[in-house]
Amino acid sequence: MAFAKAVSTPLAQKRGLQEAIGSPIDASLYRRIGGSLQYLTLTRTDISHAVNLASQFMQAPNSEHFHTVKRILIYIKGTVQYRLRMLSKSPFRIYDFSDANWGNCTKTRRSTTGYYLSFFK
């Protein structure tokens, strides 16, 4: 991945992840990378959706899921200069909203949580 070409988005367009597609991989490696990515979402909100999607397959990841995680890492490599920075005397205010759907996934009936973060003057 050191020589991977940077990508402009953390997820491929119109690509959903499924449980049954792909060959099984080492779950412990996938979980370690996924945990690190979840920690990184605290300051890199641009990867939150992609990391959330990839994290739904921590129990039994496969090669397709790992490909998605690698794409997120390549995206981060190309956007390493992105960060949240807020000066104490800034005229901007932070507003955040969160929401959850309870069992909305039609296949697994799992819940999804999301949030929206805005800066206003």
PDB file of N, CA and C in Angstrom:
ATOM      1  N   MET A   1       0.814  -1.197   0.000  1.00  0.00           N
ATOM      2  CA  MET A   1       0.000   0.000   0.000  1.00  0.00           C
ATOM      3  C   MET A   1       0.855   1.257   0.000  1.00  0.00           C
ATOM      4  N   ALA A   2       2.135   1.103   0.205  1.00  0.00           N
ATOM      5  CA  ALA A   2       3.013   2.270   0.215  1.00  0.00           C
ATOM      6  C   ALA A   2       3.030   2.973  -1.135  1.00  0.00           C
ATOM      7  N   PHE A   3       2.815   2.226  -2.194  1.00  0.00           N
ATOM      8  CA  PHE A   3       2.841   2.808  -3.534  1.00  0.00           C
ATOM      9  C   PHE A   3       1.452   2.925  -4.147  1.00  0.00           C
ATOM     10  N   ALA A   4       0.418   2.759  -3.353  1.00  0.00           N
ATOM     11  CA  ALA A   4      -0.953   2.837  -3.862  1.00  0.00           C
ATOM     12  C   ALA A   4      -1.286   4.263  -4.281  1.00  0.00           C
ATOM     13  N   LYS A   5      -2.004   4.375  -5.379  1.00  0.00           N
ATOM     14  CA  LYS A   5      -2.432   5.681  -5.874  1.00  0.00           C
ATOM     15  C   LYS A   5      -3.567   6.193  -4.987  1.00  0.00           C
ATOM     16  N   ALA A   6      -3.505   7.456  -4.617  1.00  0.00           N
ATOM     17  CA  ALA A   6      -4.527   8.049  -3.742  1.00  0.00           C
ATOM     18  C   ALA A   6      -5.903   7.983  -4.402  1.00  0.00           C
ATOM     19  N   VAL A   7      -6.928   7.823  -3.586  1.00  0.00           N
ATOM     20  CA  VAL A   7      -8.311   7.814  -4.067  1.00  0.00           C
ATOM     21  C   VAL A   7      -9.026   9.034  -3.497  1.00  0.00           C
ATOM     22  N   SER A   8     -10.066   9.487  -4.198  1.00  0.00           N
ATOM     23  CA  SER A   8     -10.741  10.724  -3.795  1.00  0.00           C
ATOM     24  C   SER A   8     -11.875  10.509  -2.798  1.00  0.00           C
ATOM     25  N   THR A   9     -12.303   9.273  -2.612  1.00  0.00           N
ATOM     26  CA  THR A   9     -13.375   8.974  -1.659  1.00  0.00           C
ATOM     27  C   THR A   9     -13.002   7.733  -0.850  1.00  0.00           C
ATOM     28  N   PRO A  10     -13.465   7.639   0.398  1.00  0.00           N
ATOM     29  CA  PRO A  10     -13.126   6.467   1.200  1.00  0.00           C
ATOM     30  C   PRO A  10     -13.878   5.197   0.798  1.00  0.00           C
ATOM     31  N   LEU A  11     -14.980   5.342   0.066  1.00  0.00           N
ATOM     32  CA  LEU A  11     -15.752   4.189  -0.413  1.00  0.00           C
ATOM     33  C   LEU A  11     -15.903   4.268  -1.922  1.00  0.00           C
ATOM     34  N   ALA A  12     -15.936   3.109  -2.559  1.00  0.00           N
ATOM     35  CA  ALA A  12     -16.236   3.082  -3.986  1.00  0.00           C
ATOM     36  C   ALA A  12     -17.707   3.457  -4.168  1.00  0.00           C
ATOM     37  N   GLN A  13     -18.016   4.154  -5.238  1.00  0.00           N
ATOM     38  CA  GLN A  13     -19.385   4.602  -5.464  1.00  0.00           C
ATOM     39  C   GLN A  13     -20.314   3.424  -5.714  1.00  0.00           C
ATOM     40  N   LYS A  14     -21.520   3.540  -5.174  1.00  0.00           N
ATOM     41  CA  LYS A  14     -22.584   2.552  -5.352  1.00  0.00           C
ATOM     42  C   LYS A  14     -22.129   1.139  -5.021  1.00  0.00           C
ATOM     43  N   ARG A  15     -21.352   1.028  -3.977  1.00  0.00           N
ATOM     44  CA  ARG A  15     -20.864  -0.292  -3.588  1.00  0.00           C
ATOM     45  C   ARG A  15     -21.291  -0.583  -2.159  1.00  0.00           C
ATOM     46  N   GLY A  16     -22.164  -1.531  -1.998  1.00  0.00           N
ATOM     47  CA  GLY A  16     -22.567  -1.954  -0.665  1.00  0.00           C
ATOM     48  C   GLY A  16     -21.786  -3.201  -0.279  1.00  0.00           C
ATOM     49  N   LEU A  17     -21.720  -3.478   0.978  1.00  0.00           N
ATOM     50  CA  LEU A  17     -21.010  -4.667   1.440  1.00  0.00           C
ATOM     51  C   LEU A  17     -22.019  -5.738   1.815  1.00  0.00           C
ATOM     52  N   GLN A  18     -21.668  -6.972   1.521  1.00  0.00           N
ATOM     53  CA  GLN A  18     -22.538  -8.093   1.833  1.00  0.00           C
ATOM     54  C   GLN A  18     -21.746  -9.135   2.602  1.00  0.00           C
ATOM     55  N   GLU A  19     -22.446  -9.956   3.362  1.00  0.00           N
ATOM     56  CA  GLU A  19     -21.772 -10.952   4.188  1.00  0.00           C
ATOM     57  C   GLU A  19     -21.204 -12.111   3.383  1.00  0.00           C
ATOM     58  N   ALA A  20     -21.915 -12.592   2.385  1.00  0.00           N
ATOM     59  CA  ALA A  20     -21.573 -13.852   1.729  1.00  0.00           C
ATOM     60  C   ALA A  20     -20.549 -13.742   0.607  1.00  0.00           C
ATOM     61  N   ILE A  21     -20.226 -12.554   0.142  1.00  0.00           N
ATOM     62  CA  ILE A  21     -19.323 -12.411  -0.997  1.00  0.00           C
ATOM     63  C   ILE A  21     -17.885 -12.289  -0.502  1.00  0.00           C
ATOM     64  N   GLY A  22     -16.968 -13.074  -1.090  1.00  0.00           N
ATOM     65  CA  GLY A  22     -15.556 -13.000  -0.729  1.00  0.00           C
ATOM     66  C   GLY A  22     -15.125 -14.178   0.121  1.00  0.00           C
ATOM     67  N   SER A  23     -13.819 -14.390   0.181  1.00  0.00           N
ATOM     68  CA  SER A  23     -13.283 -15.496   0.976  1.00  0.00           C
ATOM     69  C   SER A  23     -12.958 -15.005   2.387  1.00  0.00           C
ATOM     70  N   PRO A  24     -13.076 -15.882   3.396  1.00  0.00           N
ATOM     71  CA  PRO A  24     -12.816 -15.483   4.789  1.00  0.00           C
ATOM     72  C   PRO A  24     -11.373 -15.013   4.986  1.00  0.00           C
ATOM     73  N   ILE A  25     -11.183 -14.075   5.904  1.00  0.00           N
ATOM     74  CA  ILE A  25      -9.846 -13.557   6.218  1.00  0.00           C
ATOM     75  C   ILE A  25      -9.628 -13.600   7.731  1.00  0.00           C
ATOM     76  N   ASP A  26      -8.431 -13.236   8.164  1.00  0.00           N
ATOM     77  CA  ASP A  26      -8.070 -13.194   9.585  1.00  0.00           C
ATOM     78  C   ASP A  26      -8.874 -12.098  10.290  1.00  0.00           C
ATOM     79  N   ALA A  27      -9.801 -12.498  11.139  1.00  0.00           N
ATOM     80  CA  ALA A  27     -10.682 -11.539  11.805  1.00  0.00           C
ATOM     81  C   ALA A  27      -9.928 -10.654  12.793  1.00  0.00           C
ATOM     82  N   SER A  28      -8.872 -11.161  13.420  1.00  0.00           N
ATOM     83  CA  SER A  28      -8.165 -10.348  14.418  1.00  0.00           C
ATOM     84  C   SER A  28      -7.470  -9.151  13.768  1.00  0.00           C
ATOM     85  N   LEU A  29      -6.865  -9.335  12.610  1.00  0.00           N
ATOM     86  CA  LEU A  29      -6.240  -8.222  11.892  1.00  0.00           C
ATOM     87  C   LEU A  29      -7.298  -7.203  11.474  1.00  0.00           C
ATOM     88  N   TYR A  30      -8.404  -7.691  10.945  1.00  0.00           N
ATOM     89  CA  TYR A  30      -9.490  -6.816  10.512  1.00  0.00           C
ATOM     90  C   TYR A  30     -10.015  -5.993  11.689  1.00  0.00           C
ATOM     91  N   ARG A  31     -10.157  -6.618  12.833  1.00  0.00           N
ATOM     92  CA  ARG A  31     -10.666  -5.918  14.022  1.00  0.00           C
ATOM     93  C   ARG A  31      -9.681  -4.872  14.532  1.00  0.00           C
ATOM     94  N   ARG A  32      -8.388  -5.182  14.493  1.00  0.00           N
ATOM     95  CA  ARG A  32      -7.388  -4.201  14.930  1.00  0.00           C
ATOM     96  C   ARG A  32      -7.400  -2.972  14.030  1.00  0.00           C
ATOM     97  N   ILE A  33      -7.438  -3.195  12.733  1.00  0.00           N
ATOM     98  CA  ILE A  33      -7.477  -2.064  11.801  1.00  0.00           C
ATOM     99  C   ILE A  33      -8.785  -1.302  11.968  1.00  0.00           C
ATOM    100  N   GLY A  34      -9.892  -2.031  12.089  1.00  0.00           N
ATOM    101  CA  GLY A  34     -11.197  -1.388  12.262  1.00  0.00           C
ATOM    102  C   GLY A  34     -11.265  -0.553  13.530  1.00  0.00           C
ATOM    103  N   GLY A  35     -10.698  -1.051  14.618  1.00  0.00           N
ATOM    104  CA  GLY A  35     -10.672  -0.289  15.870  1.00  0.00           C
ATOM    105  C   GLY A  35      -9.862   0.983  15.742  1.00  0.00           C
ATOM    106  N   SER A  36      -8.741   0.890  15.060  1.00  0.00           N
ATOM    107  CA  SER A  36      -7.919   2.088  14.837  1.00  0.00           C
ATOM    108  C   SER A  36      -8.658   3.104  13.982  1.00  0.00           C
ATOM    109  N   LEU A  37      -9.359   2.629  12.970  1.00  0.00           N
ATOM    110  CA  LEU A  37     -10.130   3.540  12.111  1.00  0.00           C
ATOM    111  C   LEU A  37     -11.272   4.190  12.888  1.00  0.00           C
ATOM    112  N   GLN A  38     -11.915   3.422  13.772  1.00  0.00           N
ATOM    113  CA  GLN A  38     -12.987   4.002  14.582  1.00  0.00           C
ATOM    114  C   GLN A  38     -12.444   5.110  15.473  1.00  0.00           C
ATOM    115  N   TYR A  39     -11.286   4.920  16.039  1.00  0.00           N
ATOM    116  CA  TYR A  39     -10.659   5.953  16.859  1.00  0.00           C
ATOM    117  C   TYR A  39     -10.351   7.188  16.012  1.00  0.00           C
ATOM    118  N   LEU A  40      -9.900   6.973  14.803  1.00  0.00           N
ATOM    119  CA  LEU A  40      -9.552   8.076  13.916  1.00  0.00           C
ATOM    120  C   LEU A  40     -10.771   8.906  13.504  1.00  0.00           C
ATOM    121  N   THR A  41     -11.956   8.315  13.508  1.00  0.00           N
ATOM    122  CA  THR A  41     -13.155   9.068  13.117  1.00  0.00           C
ATOM    123  C   THR A  41     -13.471  10.215  14.072  1.00  0.00           C
ATOM    124  N   LEU A  42     -12.860  10.228  15.244  1.00  0.00           N
ATOM    125  CA  LEU A  42     -13.084  11.339  16.172  1.00  0.00           C
ATOM    126  C   LEU A  42     -12.602  12.659  15.589  1.00  0.00           C
ATOM    127  N   THR A  43     -11.546  12.606  14.794  1.00  0.00           N
ATOM    128  CA  THR A  43     -11.031  13.831  14.175  1.00  0.00           C
ATOM    129  C   THR A  43     -11.143  13.819  12.661  1.00  0.00           C
ATOM    130  N   ARG A  44     -11.501  12.705  12.085  1.00  0.00           N
ATOM    131  CA  ARG A  44     -11.644  12.601  10.636  1.00  0.00           C
ATOM    132  C   ARG A  44     -13.072  12.160  10.323  1.00  0.00           C
ATOM    133  N   THR A  45     -13.999  13.096  10.426  1.00  0.00           N
ATOM    134  CA  THR A  45     -15.408  12.767  10.218  1.00  0.00           C
ATOM    135  C   THR A  45     -15.708  12.377   8.780  1.00  0.00           C
ATOM    136  N   ASP A  46     -14.816  12.679   7.853  1.00  0.00           N
ATOM    137  CA  ASP A  46     -15.033  12.336   6.454  1.00  0.00           C
ATOM    138  C   ASP A  46     -14.985  10.828   6.204  1.00  0.00           C
ATOM    139  N   ILE A  47     -14.465  10.060   7.130  1.00  0.00           N
ATOM    140  CA  ILE A  47     -14.410   8.610   6.949  1.00  0.00           C
ATOM    141  C   ILE A  47     -15.446   7.879   7.801  1.00  0.00           C
ATOM    142  N   SER A  48     -16.263   8.600   8.537  1.00  0.00           N
ATOM    143  CA  SER A  48     -17.196   7.981   9.486  1.00  0.00           C
ATOM    144  C   SER A  48     -18.137   6.976   8.837  1.00  0.00           C
ATOM    145  N   HIS A  49     -18.752   7.347   7.733  1.00  0.00           N
ATOM    146  CA  HIS A  49     -19.711   6.437   7.092  1.00  0.00           C
ATOM    147  C   HIS A  49     -19.014   5.171   6.598  1.00  0.00           C
ATOM    148  N   ALA A  50     -17.880   5.326   5.959  1.00  0.00           N
ATOM    149  CA  ALA A  50     -17.156   4.168   5.432  1.00  0.00           C
ATOM    150  C   ALA A  50     -16.716   3.238   6.558  1.00  0.00           C
ATOM    151  N   VAL A  51     -16.215   3.798   7.644  1.00  0.00           N
ATOM    152  CA  VAL A  51     -15.771   2.986   8.783  1.00  0.00           C
ATOM    153  C   VAL A  51     -16.968   2.303   9.436  1.00  0.00           C
ATOM    154  N   ASN A  52     -18.081   3.006   9.554  1.00  0.00           N
ATOM    155  CA  ASN A  52     -19.293   2.411  10.112  1.00  0.00           C
ATOM    156  C   ASN A  52     -19.726   1.212   9.275  1.00  0.00           C
ATOM    157  N   LEU A  53     -19.721   1.365   7.968  1.00  0.00           N
ATOM    158  CA  LEU A  53     -20.121   0.277   7.081  1.00  0.00           C
ATOM    159  C   LEU A  53     -19.180  -0.919   7.228  1.00  0.00           C
ATOM    160  N   ALA A  54     -17.883  -0.667   7.227  1.00  0.00           N
ATOM    161  CA  ALA A  54     -16.907  -1.757   7.353  1.00  0.00           C
ATOM    162  C   ALA A  54     -16.979  -2.421   8.728  1.00  0.00           C
ATOM    163  N   SER A  55     -17.325  -1.669   9.758  1.00  0.00           N
ATOM    164  CA  SER A  55     -17.377  -2.204  11.122  1.00  0.00           C
ATOM    165  C   SER A  55     -18.546  -3.154  11.344  1.00  0.00           C
ATOM    166  N   GLN A  56     -19.501  -3.156  10.468  1.00  0.00           N
ATOM    167  CA  GLN A  56     -20.653  -4.043  10.615  1.00  0.00           C
ATOM    168  C   GLN A  56     -20.297  -5.507  10.352  1.00  0.00           C
ATOM    169  N   PHE A  57     -19.074  -5.757   9.885  1.00  0.00           N
ATOM    170  CA  PHE A  57     -18.671  -7.114   9.535  1.00  0.00           C
ATOM    171  C   PHE A  57     -17.483  -7.594  10.365  1.00  0.00           C
ATOM    172  N   MET A  58     -17.356  -7.097  11.592  1.00  0.00           N
ATOM    173  CA  MET A  58     -16.240  -7.469  12.463  1.00  0.00           C
ATOM    174  C   MET A  58     -16.280  -8.948  12.865  1.00  0.00           C
ATOM    175  N   GLN A  59     -17.458  -9.525  12.945  1.00  0.00           N
ATOM    176  CA  GLN A  59     -17.575 -10.904  13.414  1.00  0.00           C
ATOM    177  C   GLN A  59     -16.993 -11.896  12.411  1.00  0.00           C
ATOM    178  N   ALA A  60     -17.293 -11.723  11.130  1.00  0.00           N
ATOM    179  CA  ALA A  60     -16.820 -12.665  10.107  1.00  0.00           C
ATOM    180  C   ALA A  60     -16.450 -11.903   8.839  1.00  0.00           C
ATOM    181  N   PRO A  61     -15.330 -11.183   8.852  1.00  0.00           N
ATOM    182  CA  PRO A  61     -14.952 -10.410   7.669  1.00  0.00           C
ATOM    183  C   PRO A  61     -14.461 -11.312   6.537  1.00  0.00           C
ATOM    184  N   ASN A  62     -14.602 -10.806   5.308  1.00  0.00           N
ATOM    185  CA  ASN A  62     -14.083 -11.542   4.162  1.00  0.00           C
ATOM    186  C   ASN A  62     -13.221 -10.614   3.311  1.00  0.00           C
ATOM    187  N   SER A  63     -12.746 -11.117   2.197  1.00  0.00           N
ATOM    188  CA  SER A  63     -11.812 -10.359   1.365  1.00  0.00           C
ATOM    189  C   SER A  63     -12.428  -9.073   0.817  1.00  0.00           C
ATOM    190  N   GLU A  64     -13.733  -9.067   0.552  1.00  0.00           N
ATOM    191  CA  GLU A  64     -14.388  -7.844   0.073  1.00  0.00           C
ATOM    192  C   GLU A  64     -14.377  -6.768   1.157  1.00  0.00           C
ATOM    193  N   HIS A  65     -14.629  -7.157   2.381  1.00  0.00           N
ATOM    194  CA  HIS A  65     -14.614  -6.206   3.490  1.00  0.00           C
ATOM    195  C   HIS A  65     -13.204  -5.655   3.695  1.00  0.00           C
ATOM    196  N   PHE A  66     -12.207  -6.537   3.595  1.00  0.00           N
ATOM    197  CA  PHE A  66     -10.824  -6.097   3.765  1.00  0.00           C
ATOM    198  C   PHE A  66     -10.414  -5.141   2.641  1.00  0.00           C
ATOM    199  N   HIS A  67     -10.912  -5.374   1.449  1.00  0.00           N
ATOM    200  CA  HIS A  67     -10.647  -4.460   0.331  1.00  0.00           C
ATOM    201  C   HIS A  67     -11.197  -3.069   0.653  1.00  0.00           C
ATOM    202  N   THR A  68     -12.369  -3.013   1.260  1.00  0.00           N
ATOM    203  CA  THR A  68     -12.966  -1.732   1.648  1.00  0.00           C
ATOM    204  C   THR A  68     -12.105  -1.031   2.698  1.00  0.00           C
ATOM    205  N   VAL A  69     -11.628  -1.778   3.684  1.00  0.00           N
ATOM    206  CA  VAL A  69     -10.772  -1.196   4.720  1.00  0.00           C
ATOM    207  C   VAL A  69      -9.471  -0.675   4.105  1.00  0.00           C
ATOM    208  N   LYS A  70      -8.902  -1.425   3.169  1.00  0.00           N
ATOM    209  CA  LYS A  70      -7.679  -0.964   2.506  1.00  0.00           C
ATOM    210  C   LYS A  70      -7.939   0.322   1.725  1.00  0.00           C
ATOM    211  N   ARG A  71      -9.109   0.437   1.091  1.00  0.00           N
ATOM    212  CA  ARG A  71      -9.431   1.662   0.360  1.00  0.00           C
ATOM    213  C   ARG A  71      -9.516   2.848   1.322  1.00  0.00           C
ATOM    214  N   ILE A  72     -10.096   2.644   2.497  1.00  0.00           N
ATOM    215  CA  ILE A  72     -10.165   3.719   3.492  1.00  0.00           C
ATOM    216  C   ILE A  72      -8.750   4.150   3.882  1.00  0.00           C
ATOM    217  N   LEU A  73      -7.866   3.182   4.095  1.00  0.00           N
ATOM    218  CA  LEU A  73      -6.485   3.502   4.460  1.00  0.00           C
ATOM    219  C   LEU A  73      -5.765   4.259   3.342  1.00  0.00           C
ATOM    220  N   ILE A  74      -6.014   3.880   2.098  1.00  0.00           N
ATOM    221  CA  ILE A  74      -5.409   4.581   0.960  1.00  0.00           C
ATOM    222  C   ILE A  74      -5.951   6.006   0.879  1.00  0.00           C
ATOM    223  N   TYR A  75      -7.252   6.166   1.138  1.00  0.00           N
ATOM    224  CA  TYR A  75      -7.854   7.505   1.156  1.00  0.00           C
ATOM    225  C   TYR A  75      -7.192   8.363   2.238  1.00  0.00           C
ATOM    226  N   ILE A  76      -6.998   7.801   3.410  1.00  0.00           N
ATOM    227  CA  ILE A  76      -6.361   8.538   4.510  1.00  0.00           C
ATOM    228  C   ILE A  76      -4.936   8.932   4.132  1.00  0.00           C
ATOM    229  N   LYS A  77      -4.230   8.021   3.488  1.00  0.00           N
ATOM    230  CA  LYS A  77      -2.856   8.318   3.065  1.00  0.00           C
ATOM    231  C   LYS A  77      -2.822   9.534   2.139  1.00  0.00           C
ATOM    232  N   GLY A  78      -3.803   9.648   1.251  1.00  0.00           N
ATOM    233  CA  GLY A  78      -3.842  10.766   0.313  1.00  0.00           C
ATOM    234  C   GLY A  78      -4.395  12.051   0.897  1.00  0.00           C
ATOM    235  N   THR A  79      -5.024  11.967   2.065  1.00  0.00           N
ATOM    236  CA  THR A  79      -5.647  13.148   2.679  1.00  0.00           C
ATOM    237  C   THR A  79      -5.136  13.353   4.100  1.00  0.00           C
ATOM    238  N   VAL A  80      -3.906  12.975   4.352  1.00  0.00           N
ATOM    239  CA  VAL A  80      -3.349  13.030   5.701  1.00  0.00           C
ATOM    240  C   VAL A  80      -3.345  14.452   6.262  1.00  0.00           C
ATOM    241  N   GLN A  81      -3.368  15.448   5.404  1.00  0.00           N
ATOM    242  CA  GLN A  81      -3.364  16.841   5.862  1.00  0.00           C
ATOM    243  C   GLN A  81      -4.750  17.303   6.334  1.00  0.00           C
ATOM    244  N   TYR A  82      -5.796  16.525   6.108  1.00  0.00           N
ATOM    245  CA  TYR A  82      -7.139  16.900   6.558  1.00  0.00           C
ATOM    246  C   TYR A  82      -7.219  16.768   8.073  1.00  0.00           C
ATOM    247  N   ARG A  83      -7.843  17.752   8.717  1.00  0.00           N
ATOM    248  CA  ARG A  83      -8.042  17.673  10.164  1.00  0.00           C
ATOM    249  C   ARG A  83      -9.058  18.717  10.598  1.00  0.00           C
ATOM    250  N   LEU A  84      -9.581  18.521  11.775  1.00  0.00           N
ATOM    251  CA  LEU A  84     -10.448  19.514  12.393  1.00  0.00           C
ATOM    252  C   LEU A  84      -9.575  20.415  13.253  1.00  0.00           C
ATOM    253  N   ARG A  85      -9.702  21.701  13.032  1.00  0.00           N
ATOM    254  CA  ARG A  85      -8.931  22.651  13.837  1.00  0.00           C
ATOM    255  C   ARG A  85      -9.833  23.827  14.154  1.00  0.00           C
ATOM    256  N   MET A  86     -10.001  24.101  15.416  1.00  0.00           N
ATOM    257  CA  MET A  86     -10.876  25.173  15.848  1.00  0.00           C
ATOM    258  C   MET A  86     -10.124  26.038  16.845  1.00  0.00           C
ATOM    259  N   LEU A  87      -9.904  27.277  16.504  1.00  0.00           N
ATOM    260  CA  LEU A  87      -9.224  28.198  17.409  1.00  0.00           C
ATOM    261  C   LEU A  87     -10.194  28.678  18.476  1.00  0.00           C
ATOM    262  N   SER A  88      -9.692  28.968  19.646  1.00  0.00           N
ATOM    263  CA  SER A  88     -10.564  29.360  20.755  1.00  0.00           C
ATOM    264  C   SER A  88     -11.283  30.682  20.502  1.00  0.00           C
ATOM    265  N   LYS A  89     -10.705  31.565  19.708  1.00  0.00           N
ATOM    266  CA  LYS A  89     -11.332  32.855  19.429  1.00  0.00           C
ATOM    267  C   LYS A  89     -12.061  32.866  18.087  1.00  0.00           C
ATOM    268  N   SER A  90     -12.374  31.724  17.586  1.00  0.00           N
ATOM    269  CA  SER A  90     -13.046  31.613  16.296  1.00  0.00           C
ATOM    270  C   SER A  90     -14.493  32.100  16.400  1.00  0.00           C
ATOM    271  N   PRO A  91     -15.005  32.783  15.363  1.00  0.00           N
ATOM    272  CA  PRO A  91     -16.399  33.215  15.384  1.00  0.00           C
ATOM    273  C   PRO A  91     -17.366  32.070  15.065  1.00  0.00           C
ATOM    274  N   PHE A  92     -16.844  30.921  14.726  1.00  0.00           N
ATOM    275  CA  PHE A  92     -17.694  29.793  14.357  1.00  0.00           C
ATOM    276  C   PHE A  92     -18.184  29.038  15.585  1.00  0.00           C
ATOM    277  N   ARG A  93     -19.330  28.434  15.455  1.00  0.00           N
ATOM    278  CA  ARG A  93     -19.914  27.606  16.504  1.00  0.00           C
ATOM    279  C   ARG A  93     -20.138  26.210  15.939  1.00  0.00           C
ATOM    280  N   ILE A  94     -19.974  25.239  16.791  1.00  0.00           N
ATOM    281  CA  ILE A  94     -20.173  23.852  16.377  1.00  0.00           C
ATOM    282  C   ILE A  94     -21.579  23.414  16.766  1.00  0.00           C
ATOM    283  N   TYR A  95     -22.279  22.811  15.810  1.00  0.00           N
ATOM    284  CA  TYR A  95     -23.593  22.224  16.054  1.00  0.00           C
ATOM    285  C   TYR A  95     -23.528  20.772  15.618  1.00  0.00           C
ATOM    286  N   ASP A  96     -24.029  19.897  16.456  1.00  0.00           N
ATOM    287  CA  ASP A  96     -24.054  18.499  16.057  1.00  0.00           C
ATOM    288  C   ASP A  96     -25.406  17.889  16.393  1.00  0.00           C
ATOM    289  N   PHE A  97     -25.789  16.953  15.556  1.00  0.00           N
ATOM    290  CA  PHE A  97     -27.059  16.258  15.691  1.00  0.00           C
ATOM    291  C   PHE A  97     -26.796  14.773  15.491  1.00  0.00           C
ATOM    292  N   SER A  98     -27.541  13.949  16.176  1.00  0.00           N
ATOM    293  CA  SER A  98     -27.390  12.510  15.980  1.00  0.00           C
ATOM    294  C   SER A  98     -28.761  11.867  15.840  1.00  0.00           C
ATOM    295  N   ASP A  99     -28.762  10.701  15.237  1.00  0.00           N
ATOM    296  CA  ASP A  99     -30.005   9.972  15.035  1.00  0.00           C
ATOM    297  C   ASP A  99     -29.678   8.484  14.958  1.00  0.00           C
ATOM    298  N   ALA A 100     -30.660   7.687  15.232  1.00  0.00           N
ATOM    299  CA  ALA A 100     -30.482   6.239  15.129  1.00  0.00           C
ATOM    300  C   ALA A 100     -31.748   5.633  14.554  1.00  0.00           C
ATOM    301  N   ASN A 101     -31.576   4.609  13.751  1.00  0.00           N
ATOM    302  CA  ASN A 101     -32.746   3.838  13.339  1.00  0.00           C
ATOM    303  C   ASN A 101     -32.646   2.494  14.053  1.00  0.00           C
ATOM    304  N   TRP A 102     -33.740   2.012  14.486  1.00  0.00           N
ATOM    305  CA  TRP A 102     -33.750   0.807  15.300  1.00  0.00           C
ATOM    306  C   TRP A 102     -34.169  -0.382  14.443  1.00  0.00           C
ATOM    307  N   GLY A 103     -33.191  -1.184  14.062  1.00  0.00           N
ATOM    308  CA  GLY A 103     -33.479  -2.388  13.289  1.00  0.00           C
ATOM    309  C   GLY A 103     -33.902  -2.118  11.867  1.00  0.00           C
ATOM    310  N   ASN A 104     -33.343  -1.111  11.229  1.00  0.00           N
ATOM    311  CA  ASN A 104     -33.779  -0.729   9.885  1.00  0.00           C
ATOM    312  C   ASN A 104     -33.219  -1.621   8.784  1.00  0.00           C
ATOM    313  N   CYS A 105     -32.109  -2.310   9.009  1.00  0.00           N
ATOM    314  CA  CYS A 105     -31.542  -3.191   7.988  1.00  0.00           C
ATOM    315  C   CYS A 105     -32.500  -4.360   7.778  1.00  0.00           C
ATOM    316  N   THR A 106     -32.989  -4.509   6.558  1.00  0.00           N
ATOM    317  CA  THR A 106     -34.002  -5.534   6.288  1.00  0.00           C
ATOM    318  C   THR A 106     -33.452  -6.952   6.384  1.00  0.00           C
ATOM    319  N   LYS A 107     -32.140  -7.127   6.214  1.00  0.00           N
ATOM    320  CA  LYS A 107     -31.566  -8.472   6.279  1.00  0.00           C
ATOM    321  C   LYS A 107     -31.256  -8.895   7.708  1.00  0.00           C
ATOM    322  N   THR A 108     -30.622  -8.018   8.476  1.00  0.00           N
ATOM    323  CA  THR A 108     -30.161  -8.399   9.814  1.00  0.00           C
ATOM    324  C   THR A 108     -30.972  -7.780  10.940  1.00  0.00           C
ATOM    325  N   ARG A 109     -31.787  -6.792  10.635  1.00  0.00           N
ATOM    326  CA  ARG A 109     -32.577  -6.043  11.622  1.00  0.00           C
ATOM    327  C   ARG A 109     -31.677  -5.327  12.621  1.00  0.00           C
ATOM    328  N   ARG A 110     -30.460  -4.996  12.214  1.00  0.00           N
ATOM    329  CA  ARG A 110     -29.545  -4.256  13.078  1.00  0.00           C
ATOM    330  C   ARG A 110     -29.820  -2.765  12.988  1.00  0.00           C
ATOM    331  N   SER A 111     -29.398  -2.068  14.003  1.00  0.00           N
ATOM    332  CA  SER A 111     -29.583  -0.622  14.068  1.00  0.00           C
ATOM    333  C   SER A 111     -28.361   0.097  13.515  1.00  0.00           C
ATOM    334  N   THR A 112     -28.579   1.326  13.075  1.00  0.00           N
ATOM    335  CA  THR A 112     -27.495   2.168  12.583  1.00  0.00           C
ATOM    336  C   THR A 112     -27.616   3.529  13.244  1.00  0.00           C
ATOM    337  N   THR A 113     -26.490   4.072  13.653  1.00  0.00           N
ATOM    338  CA  THR A 113     -26.455   5.396  14.252  1.00  0.00           C
ATOM    339  C   THR A 113     -25.632   6.311  13.360  1.00  0.00           C
ATOM    340  N   GLY A 114     -26.037   7.554  13.267  1.00  0.00           N
ATOM    341  CA  GLY A 114     -25.285   8.517  12.479  1.00  0.00           C
ATOM    342  C   GLY A 114     -25.302   9.870  13.157  1.00  0.00           C
ATOM    343  N   TYR A 115     -24.443  10.744  12.676  1.00  0.00           N
ATOM    344  CA  TYR A 115     -24.424  12.084  13.236  1.00  0.00           C
ATOM    345  C   TYR A 115     -24.072  13.095  12.162  1.00  0.00           C
ATOM    346  N   TYR A 116     -24.391  14.335  12.458  1.00  0.00           N
ATOM    347  CA  TYR A 116     -24.135  15.448  11.547  1.00  0.00           C
ATOM    348  C   TYR A 116     -23.447  16.532  12.355  1.00  0.00           C
ATOM    349  N   LEU A 117     -22.357  17.035  11.847  1.00  0.00           N
ATOM    350  CA  LEU A 117     -21.571  18.050  12.532  1.00  0.00           C
ATOM    351  C   LEU A 117     -21.437  19.247  11.612  1.00  0.00           C
ATOM    352  N   SER A 118     -21.781  20.444  12.105  1.00  0.00           N
ATOM    353  CA  SER A 118     -21.724  21.657  11.279  1.00  0.00           C
ATOM    354  C   SER A 118     -21.002  22.774  12.011  1.00  0.00           C
ATOM    355  N   PHE A 119     -20.453  23.663  11.221  1.00  0.00           N
ATOM    356  CA  PHE A 119     -19.820  24.867  11.736  1.00  0.00           C
ATOM    357  C   PHE A 119     -20.569  26.060  11.169  1.00  0.00           C
ATOM    358  N   PHE A 120     -21.047  26.939  12.033  1.00  0.00           N
ATOM    359  CA  PHE A 120     -21.766  28.134  11.596  1.00  0.00           C
ATOM    360  C   PHE A 120     -21.144  29.365  12.226  1.00  0.00           C
ATOM    361  N   LYS A 121     -21.233  30.456  11.516  1.00  0.00           N
ATOM    362  CA  LYS A 121     -20.765  31.731  12.032  1.00  0.00           C
ATOM    363  C   LYS A 121     -21.842  32.398  12.835  1.00  0.00           C
TER     364      LYS A 121
END
